[in-house]
């Protein structure tokens, strides 16, 4: 019966995705759509794993149910929010598995450090998909700082531990698991809270702790967000699954890298540019030991009559998503984020943090054209009315 149920799920998922592809493809042909990227094209390029079974009530086919996406702050109608061509659910499952694997066992954990307790049982459990053997036990994950643990005692998958089988499926990009002893789905919202993971982004040691309030935990202080005009209450205001501070730092580094180099007070220049003030020596990054020049760039905006000095070591840290820095010459510090953003006139490109999209710009490419009509047609006649349409499988 279990295998028949999964076969039905796969069949239902294929039929749903086929209908979406057919509608979008027909619309694209009718309006002679060029190379506009759509949800269906991205799905066609993705090569799923057999462990990634279809999920009921999953409007965007990203392996996360609509209710699950709402609970964890994802977008139910965008299957690939960070645009890396991997469905959000598959990516999130793999990140969770990787983080859980790295957690220390209880006797190795520091005080108040999130850790796991191993439950080894005498027996093996077979994966229904690939036949791999896992222990019948698993791990209890404890976050003493928050006073939370996973799983909840009433969890239908297992009230004592997260099964090894579930971790096996998560490494393959699925929160579902099916085996000899365990069959069901991980409580995603609770798991993310316990391991304190909100976005599928790898931690980076260059992203140094902030000094000052950070209400939304996006690596921008409240003062910086107020001064620069960003959302003080939303850690991911453009919903691309990257904390705003990390994203903005990387974008500023890319913009600085692309700026033209001129001499000081260059005549006839009306756009931002940079002036090189190199020194004969190297500076070491305190985190990774990378060497950068001891000098700095002067970033100039002639229209605003503003400039700022950006040491080369700071560019290194911004490339890693941090406005804070630590080097053997410039020591620890943080660049003036609001002034840098003003001088660079961020956002400079479509997609930069703070980009404003027109109401009809469904694919967020800063243009309203036939590609947006294809996105609209791909959802034609779908509904979110409870117990109606596609949501009554």
Protein backbone atom coordinates (compact mmCIF):
# COMPACT_ATOMS: atom_id res chain seq x y z
CA UNK A 1 0.00 0.00 0.00
CA UNK A 2 2.84 2.37 0.84
CA UNK A 3 4.42 1.90 -2.57
CA UNK A 4 1.05 2.40 -4.27
CA UNK A 5 0.55 5.64 -2.33
CA UNK A 6 3.92 6.98 -3.38
CA UNK A 7 3.29 5.97 -7.00
CA UNK A 8 0.01 7.89 -6.87
CA UNK A 9 1.84 10.93 -5.44
CA UNK A 10 4.40 10.83 -8.21
CA UNK A 11 1.72 10.44 -10.85
CA UNK A 12 -0.34 13.32 -9.43
CA UNK A 13 2.72 15.54 -9.27
CA UNK A 14 3.65 14.77 -12.86
CA UNK A 15 0.15 15.53 -14.07
CA UNK A 16 0.10 18.86 -12.21
CA UNK A 17 3.48 19.92 -13.57
CA UNK A 18 2.52 18.79 -17.08
CA UNK A 19 -0.60 21.00 -16.99
CA UNK A 20 1.48 23.98 -15.89
CA UNK A 21 4.10 23.40 -18.57
CA UNK A 22 1.49 22.92 -21.29
CA UNK A 23 -0.35 26.16 -20.44
CA UNK A 24 2.83 28.21 -20.27
CA UNK A 25 4.29 26.65 -23.40
CA UNK A 26 1.09 27.31 -25.37
CA UNK A 27 0.99 30.92 -24.23
CA UNK A 28 4.65 31.40 -25.05
CA UNK A 29 4.10 30.10 -28.57
CA UNK A 30 1.04 32.27 -29.08
CA UNK A 31 2.82 35.48 -28.15
CA UNK A 32 6.18 34.45 -29.66
CA UNK A 33 8.00 34.65 -26.36
CA UNK A 34 11.76 34.81 -26.78
CA UNK A 35 14.13 33.74 -24.02
CA UNK A 36 12.10 34.87 -21.02
CA UNK A 37 12.81 32.56 -18.08
CA UNK A 38 9.70 31.02 -16.52
CA UNK A 39 8.96 28.68 -13.66
CA UNK A 40 8.38 25.83 -16.07
CA UNK A 41 11.67 26.30 -17.89
CA UNK A 42 13.55 26.20 -14.60
CA UNK A 43 11.71 23.04 -13.57
CA UNK A 44 12.57 21.44 -16.92
CA UNK A 45 16.30 22.09 -16.31
CA UNK A 46 16.29 20.64 -12.80
CA UNK A 47 17.18 16.94 -12.41
CA UNK A 48 15.24 15.62 -9.40
CA UNK A 49 16.33 12.81 -7.12
CA UNK A 50 14.08 9.76 -6.82
CA UNK A 51 13.80 10.41 -3.07
CA UNK A 52 12.07 13.73 -3.80
CA UNK A 53 8.44 12.64 -3.90
CA UNK A 54 5.73 15.11 -4.83
CA UNK A 55 4.01 17.00 -2.01
CA UNK A 56 0.27 17.64 -1.73
CA UNK A 57 -0.95 21.25 -1.88
CA UNK A 58 2.35 22.46 -3.36
CA UNK A 59 1.38 25.25 -5.77
CA UNK A 60 4.90 25.92 -7.08
CA UNK A 61 6.18 22.31 -7.06
CA UNK A 62 9.19 23.16 -4.88
CA UNK A 63 8.68 20.17 -2.52
CA UNK A 64 7.26 22.40 0.23
CA UNK A 65 3.53 22.46 0.91
CA UNK A 66 1.83 25.85 0.74
CA UNK A 67 1.12 25.83 4.48
CA UNK A 68 4.75 24.93 5.24
CA UNK A 69 6.04 27.82 3.13
CA UNK A 70 3.71 30.24 4.86
CA UNK A 71 4.86 28.97 8.27
CA UNK A 72 8.56 29.45 7.54
CA UNK A 73 8.29 32.74 5.63
CA UNK A 74 8.76 31.38 2.10
CA UNK A 75 6.70 32.31 -0.97
CA UNK A 76 4.21 29.59 -1.97
CA UNK A 77 4.13 30.66 -5.64
CA UNK A 78 7.88 30.95 -6.24
CA UNK A 79 9.65 27.61 -6.51
CA UNK A 80 13.20 29.03 -6.59
CA UNK A 81 13.42 32.21 -4.56
CA UNK A 82 17.20 32.58 -4.73
CA UNK A 83 17.23 31.73 -8.44
CA UNK A 84 19.88 29.01 -8.29
CA UNK A 85 17.77 26.52 -10.29
CA UNK A 86 17.20 24.25 -7.28
CA UNK A 87 13.66 23.91 -5.85
CA UNK A 88 13.48 25.60 -2.46
CA UNK A 89 12.37 22.48 -0.60
CA UNK A 90 15.17 20.31 -1.95
CA UNK A 91 17.76 22.97 -1.15
CA UNK A 92 16.41 23.56 2.34
CA UNK A 93 16.34 19.84 3.16
CA UNK A 94 19.98 19.41 2.15
CA UNK A 95 21.06 22.44 4.20
CA UNK A 96 19.21 21.12 7.24
CA UNK A 97 20.87 17.72 6.92
CA UNK A 98 24.28 19.33 6.61
CA UNK A 99 23.74 21.52 9.67
CA UNK A 100 22.40 18.64 11.79
CA UNK A 101 25.39 16.52 10.81
CA UNK A 102 27.71 19.28 12.09
CA UNK A 103 25.98 19.61 15.48
CA UNK A 104 28.05 18.33 18.41
CA UNK A 105 26.90 15.44 20.54
CA UNK A 106 25.76 16.40 24.04
CA UNK A 107 29.03 15.50 25.81
CA UNK A 108 31.03 17.62 23.32
CA UNK A 109 28.75 20.68 23.39
CA UNK A 110 29.53 24.00 25.06
CA UNK A 111 27.07 25.38 27.63
CA UNK A 112 23.88 26.62 25.90
CA UNK A 113 25.10 25.27 22.54
CA UNK A 114 22.59 23.51 20.33
CA UNK A 115 23.47 19.81 20.28
CA UNK A 116 22.11 16.37 19.50
CA UNK A 117 21.57 13.22 21.53
CA UNK A 118 22.09 9.94 19.70
CA UNK A 119 19.59 7.08 19.98
CA UNK A 120 21.12 3.87 18.62
CA UNK A 121 18.73 0.94 18.31
CA UNK A 122 19.45 -2.72 17.59
CA UNK A 123 18.23 -2.96 14.05
CA UNK A 124 18.44 -1.53 10.57
CA UNK A 125 15.84 0.23 8.44
CA UNK A 126 15.76 0.06 4.66
CA UNK A 127 15.04 3.07 2.45
CA UNK A 128 12.08 2.25 0.18
CA UNK A 129 13.67 4.18 -2.71
CA UNK A 130 17.32 3.11 -2.87
CA UNK A 131 17.48 0.27 -0.35
CA UNK A 132 20.22 1.91 1.73
CA UNK A 133 20.38 0.70 5.32
CA UNK A 134 20.16 3.14 8.21
CA UNK A 135 19.97 2.60 11.94
CA UNK A 136 16.43 2.34 13.27
CA UNK A 137 17.27 5.11 15.74
CA UNK A 138 18.13 8.75 15.25
CA UNK A 139 18.85 12.01 17.09
CA UNK A 140 17.07 14.30 19.50
CA UNK A 141 18.11 17.89 18.79
CA UNK A 142 18.18 20.20 21.80
CA UNK A 143 18.45 23.99 21.81
CA UNK A 144 19.00 24.91 25.49
CA UNK A 145 19.10 28.64 24.74
CA UNK A 146 15.55 28.60 23.38
CA UNK A 147 14.32 25.79 25.61
CA UNK A 148 13.19 23.82 22.55
CA UNK A 149 13.91 20.39 21.18
CA UNK A 150 13.12 18.32 18.12
CA UNK A 151 10.95 16.34 17.81
CA UNK A 152 7.83 17.24 19.74
CA UNK A 153 6.67 14.30 21.92
CA UNK A 154 3.50 14.09 19.81
CA UNK A 155 5.30 14.11 16.46
CA UNK A 156 3.63 11.51 14.19
CA UNK A 157 6.92 10.51 12.53
CA UNK A 158 8.60 9.74 15.88
CA UNK A 159 8.05 11.43 19.22
CA UNK A 160 11.53 10.63 20.58
CA UNK A 161 14.04 11.36 17.82
CA UNK A 162 14.55 12.49 14.23
CA UNK A 163 15.03 9.13 12.47
CA UNK A 164 18.29 8.38 10.69
CA UNK A 165 16.09 7.49 7.73
CA UNK A 166 14.69 11.04 7.66
CA UNK A 167 18.23 12.42 7.62
CA UNK A 168 19.02 10.06 4.74
CA UNK A 169 16.10 11.47 2.75
CA UNK A 170 17.04 15.05 3.68
CA UNK A 171 20.53 14.58 2.26
CA UNK A 172 18.73 13.69 -0.98
CA UNK A 173 16.56 16.82 -0.82
CA UNK A 174 13.32 15.51 0.72
CA UNK A 175 11.56 16.10 4.04
CA UNK A 176 9.46 12.97 3.42
CA UNK A 177 10.78 9.56 4.38
CA UNK A 178 9.54 6.01 3.80
CA UNK A 179 11.07 2.87 5.25
CA UNK A 180 10.36 -0.31 7.20
CA UNK A 181 9.77 1.49 10.51
CA UNK A 182 9.23 5.17 9.76
CA UNK A 183 7.00 6.76 7.17
CA UNK A 184 5.95 10.40 7.16
CA UNK A 185 7.23 13.94 6.99
CA UNK A 186 9.53 16.10 9.09
CA UNK A 187 7.94 19.01 11.00
CA UNK A 188 9.86 21.64 9.04
CA UNK A 189 8.81 24.75 10.97
CA UNK A 190 9.78 23.26 14.33
CA UNK A 191 13.06 21.85 13.02
CA UNK A 192 14.14 25.20 11.57
CA UNK A 193 13.35 26.96 14.85
CA UNK A 194 15.28 24.45 16.93
CA UNK A 195 18.40 24.58 14.76
CA UNK A 196 17.91 28.35 14.23
CA UNK A 197 18.05 28.17 10.45
CA UNK A 198 15.82 30.56 8.53
CA UNK A 199 17.42 30.66 5.11
CA UNK A 200 19.34 28.03 3.15
CA UNK A 201 22.59 30.02 3.27
CA UNK A 202 25.87 28.70 4.57
CA UNK A 203 27.29 30.47 7.63
CA UNK A 204 30.44 32.43 6.91
CA UNK A 205 33.00 33.28 9.59
CA UNK A 206 33.70 36.61 7.88
CA UNK A 207 30.20 37.73 8.89
CA UNK A 208 31.32 39.06 12.26
CA UNK A 209 28.90 39.69 15.15
CA UNK A 210 27.27 43.12 15.13
CA UNK A 211 27.66 45.73 17.82
CA UNK A 212 24.31 47.47 18.15
CA UNK A 213 20.68 46.48 17.76
CA UNK A 214 19.60 44.32 14.84
CA UNK A 215 15.85 43.89 15.26
CA UNK A 216 15.32 41.55 12.31
CA UNK A 217 18.66 39.74 12.48
CA UNK A 218 19.71 40.54 8.89
CA UNK A 219 23.30 41.64 9.65
CA UNK A 220 22.40 45.33 9.30
CA UNK A 221 22.05 47.35 12.49
CA UNK A 222 18.82 49.19 13.15
CA UNK A 223 20.69 52.51 12.78
CA UNK A 224 22.05 51.47 9.37
CA UNK A 225 18.64 50.39 8.10
CA UNK A 226 17.03 53.62 9.28
CA UNK A 227 19.80 55.73 7.72
CA UNK A 228 19.88 53.83 4.42
CA UNK A 229 16.11 53.40 4.03
CA UNK A 230 15.85 49.61 4.28
CA UNK A 231 13.11 47.63 6.01
CA UNK A 232 13.81 47.55 9.73
CA UNK A 233 11.40 44.69 10.38
CA UNK A 234 12.12 42.29 7.50
CA UNK A 235 15.37 40.33 7.35
CA UNK A 236 14.77 39.34 3.72
CA UNK A 237 12.79 42.16 2.18
CA UNK A 238 13.13 40.95 -1.41
CA UNK A 239 12.33 37.33 -0.42
CA UNK A 240 15.34 35.70 -2.07
CA UNK A 241 16.37 33.71 1.01
CA UNK A 242 19.51 35.75 1.73
CA UNK A 243 19.73 38.05 4.77
CA UNK A 244 19.64 41.67 3.63
CA UNK A 245 22.98 42.64 5.16
CA UNK A 246 24.80 39.72 3.59
CA UNK A 247 23.23 40.38 0.20
CA UNK A 248 23.87 44.13 0.29
CA UNK A 249 27.53 43.69 1.25
CA UNK A 250 28.14 41.33 -1.66
CA UNK A 251 26.32 43.62 -4.07
CA UNK A 252 28.36 46.65 -2.95
CA UNK A 253 31.57 44.65 -3.45
CA UNK A 254 30.48 43.75 -7.00
CA UNK A 255 29.62 47.36 -7.81
CA UNK A 256 32.94 48.64 -6.45
CA UNK A 257 34.81 46.01 -8.44
CA UNK A 258 33.10 47.20 -11.64
CA UNK A 259 33.65 50.94 -11.08
CA UNK A 260 36.07 52.66 -13.50
CA UNK A 261 39.43 53.80 -12.10
CA UNK A 262 40.35 57.47 -12.50
CA UNK A 263 42.84 59.94 -11.12
CA UNK A 264 41.76 62.15 -8.19
CA UNK A 265 39.35 64.95 -9.16
CA UNK A 266 39.01 63.54 -12.67
CA UNK A 267 37.50 66.20 -14.96
CA UNK A 268 34.38 65.48 -17.01
CA UNK A 269 33.37 62.38 -15.01
CA UNK A 270 29.70 62.34 -13.96
CA UNK A 271 29.34 58.80 -12.65
CA UNK A 272 30.76 57.18 -9.49
CA UNK A 273 34.37 56.05 -9.87
CA UNK A 274 37.28 54.88 -7.73
CA UNK A 275 40.80 56.13 -7.14
CA UNK A 276 43.54 53.69 -6.24
CA UNK A 277 45.78 54.43 -3.25
CA UNK A 278 47.92 51.31 -3.04
CA UNK A 279 50.75 50.83 -0.52
CA UNK A 280 53.83 48.65 -0.59
CA UNK A 281 52.71 45.97 1.76
CA UNK A 282 50.11 43.31 2.48
CA UNK A 283 47.39 42.98 5.09
CA UNK A 284 46.22 39.63 6.43
CA UNK A 285 42.59 38.72 6.99
CA UNK A 286 42.09 37.62 10.61
CA UNK A 287 39.59 34.96 9.52
CA UNK A 288 41.07 33.14 6.54
CA UNK A 289 44.60 34.57 6.27
CA UNK A 290 44.05 35.92 2.75
CA UNK A 291 46.41 38.76 1.89
CA UNK A 292 45.19 42.04 0.44
CA UNK A 293 46.99 45.25 -0.32
CA UNK A 294 47.50 47.54 2.67
CA UNK A 295 46.04 50.46 0.72
CA UNK A 296 42.53 51.52 -0.10
CA UNK A 297 40.11 52.67 -2.77
CA UNK A 298 38.59 56.11 -2.64
CA UNK A 299 35.04 55.82 -3.95
CA UNK A 300 33.89 59.14 -5.41
CA UNK A 301 30.44 60.32 -6.47
CA UNK A 302 31.03 63.64 -8.28
CA UNK A 303 27.32 64.42 -8.62
CA UNK A 304 26.79 64.22 -4.86
CA UNK A 305 30.22 65.65 -3.96
CA UNK A 306 30.72 62.69 -1.64
CA UNK A 307 33.52 60.17 -1.21
CA UNK A 308 34.52 57.36 1.12
CA UNK A 309 37.73 55.40 1.70
CA UNK A 310 37.30 51.63 1.40
CA UNK A 311 40.40 49.63 2.45
CA UNK A 312 41.12 46.65 0.23
CA UNK A 313 40.67 44.33 3.22
CA UNK A 314 37.11 45.70 3.60
CA UNK A 315 36.39 44.74 -0.01
CA UNK A 316 37.49 41.22 0.89
CA UNK A 317 35.01 41.07 3.77
CA UNK A 318 32.19 42.53 1.69
CA UNK A 319 32.76 39.83 -0.91
CA UNK A 320 32.01 37.37 1.91
CA UNK A 321 28.84 39.22 2.94
CA UNK A 322 30.07 41.42 5.79
CA UNK A 323 30.45 45.17 6.29
CA UNK A 324 32.48 44.44 9.44
CA UNK A 325 36.15 43.59 9.02
CA UNK A 326 39.26 42.49 10.92
CA UNK A 327 42.83 42.75 9.65
CA UNK A 328 46.30 43.04 11.13
CA UNK A 329 46.64 46.68 9.95
CA UNK A 330 43.12 48.14 10.00
CA UNK A 331 42.13 46.03 13.06
CA UNK A 332 38.44 45.48 13.71
CA UNK A 333 35.85 47.90 12.42
CA UNK A 334 32.80 48.48 10.27
CA UNK A 335 32.39 50.67 7.22
CA UNK A 336 29.77 53.44 7.13
CA UNK A 337 27.07 51.43 5.36
CA UNK A 338 24.61 54.30 4.81
CA UNK A 339 27.28 56.58 3.31
CA UNK A 340 28.63 53.82 1.05
CA UNK A 341 25.13 52.98 -0.22
CA UNK A 342 24.45 56.66 -0.92
CA UNK A 343 27.71 57.14 -2.80
CA UNK A 344 27.19 54.00 -4.89
CA UNK A 345 23.56 55.03 -5.46
CA UNK A 346 22.25 51.59 -4.58
CA UNK A 347 20.31 49.91 -6.06
CA UNK A 348 22.27 50.30 -9.28
CA UNK A 349 21.03 47.17 -11.04
CA UNK A 350 17.75 45.31 -11.30
CA UNK A 351 17.63 42.85 -8.42
CA UNK A 352 19.85 44.82 -6.07
CA UNK A 353 18.43 45.17 -2.58
CA UNK A 354 15.83 47.93 -2.60
CA UNK A 355 14.77 47.44 -6.23
CA UNK A 356 11.15 48.52 -6.77
CA UNK A 357 9.12 46.31 -9.10
CA UNK A 358 6.03 47.35 -11.04
CA UNK A 359 2.78 45.59 -10.05
CA UNK A 360 2.70 43.62 -13.32
CA UNK A 361 6.36 42.57 -13.18
CA UNK A 362 5.63 38.99 -12.16
CA UNK A 363 9.09 37.62 -12.95
CA UNK A 364 10.84 40.65 -11.37
CA UNK A 365 13.11 41.52 -14.28
CA UNK A 366 12.19 45.24 -14.02
CA UNK A 367 10.14 45.07 -17.23
CA UNK A 368 6.48 44.33 -17.88
CA UNK A 369 6.33 42.36 -21.13
CA UNK A 370 5.26 39.05 -22.68
CA UNK A 371 7.35 37.07 -20.19
CA UNK A 372 5.05 38.31 -17.44
CA UNK A 373 2.01 37.31 -19.49
CA UNK A 374 3.44 33.77 -19.69
CA UNK A 375 3.88 33.74 -15.92
CA UNK A 376 0.26 34.84 -15.56
CA UNK A 377 -0.99 32.24 -18.04
CA UNK A 378 0.88 29.51 -16.18
CA UNK A 379 -1.46 30.10 -13.23
CA UNK A 380 -4.61 30.64 -15.29
CA UNK A 381 -7.71 29.06 -13.71
CA UNK A 382 -5.83 27.87 -10.61
CA UNK A 383 -7.37 28.81 -7.29
CA UNK A 384 -6.64 28.88 -3.59
CA UNK A 385 -10.24 28.47 -2.52
CA UNK A 386 -10.30 25.72 0.13
CA UNK A 387 -11.58 22.38 -1.14
CA UNK A 388 -11.70 23.56 -4.75
CA UNK A 389 -9.66 23.09 -7.91
CA UNK A 390 -6.28 21.44 -7.85
CA UNK A 391 -6.06 21.40 -4.08
CA UNK A 392 -8.54 18.53 -3.67
CA UNK A 393 -6.39 15.69 -4.91
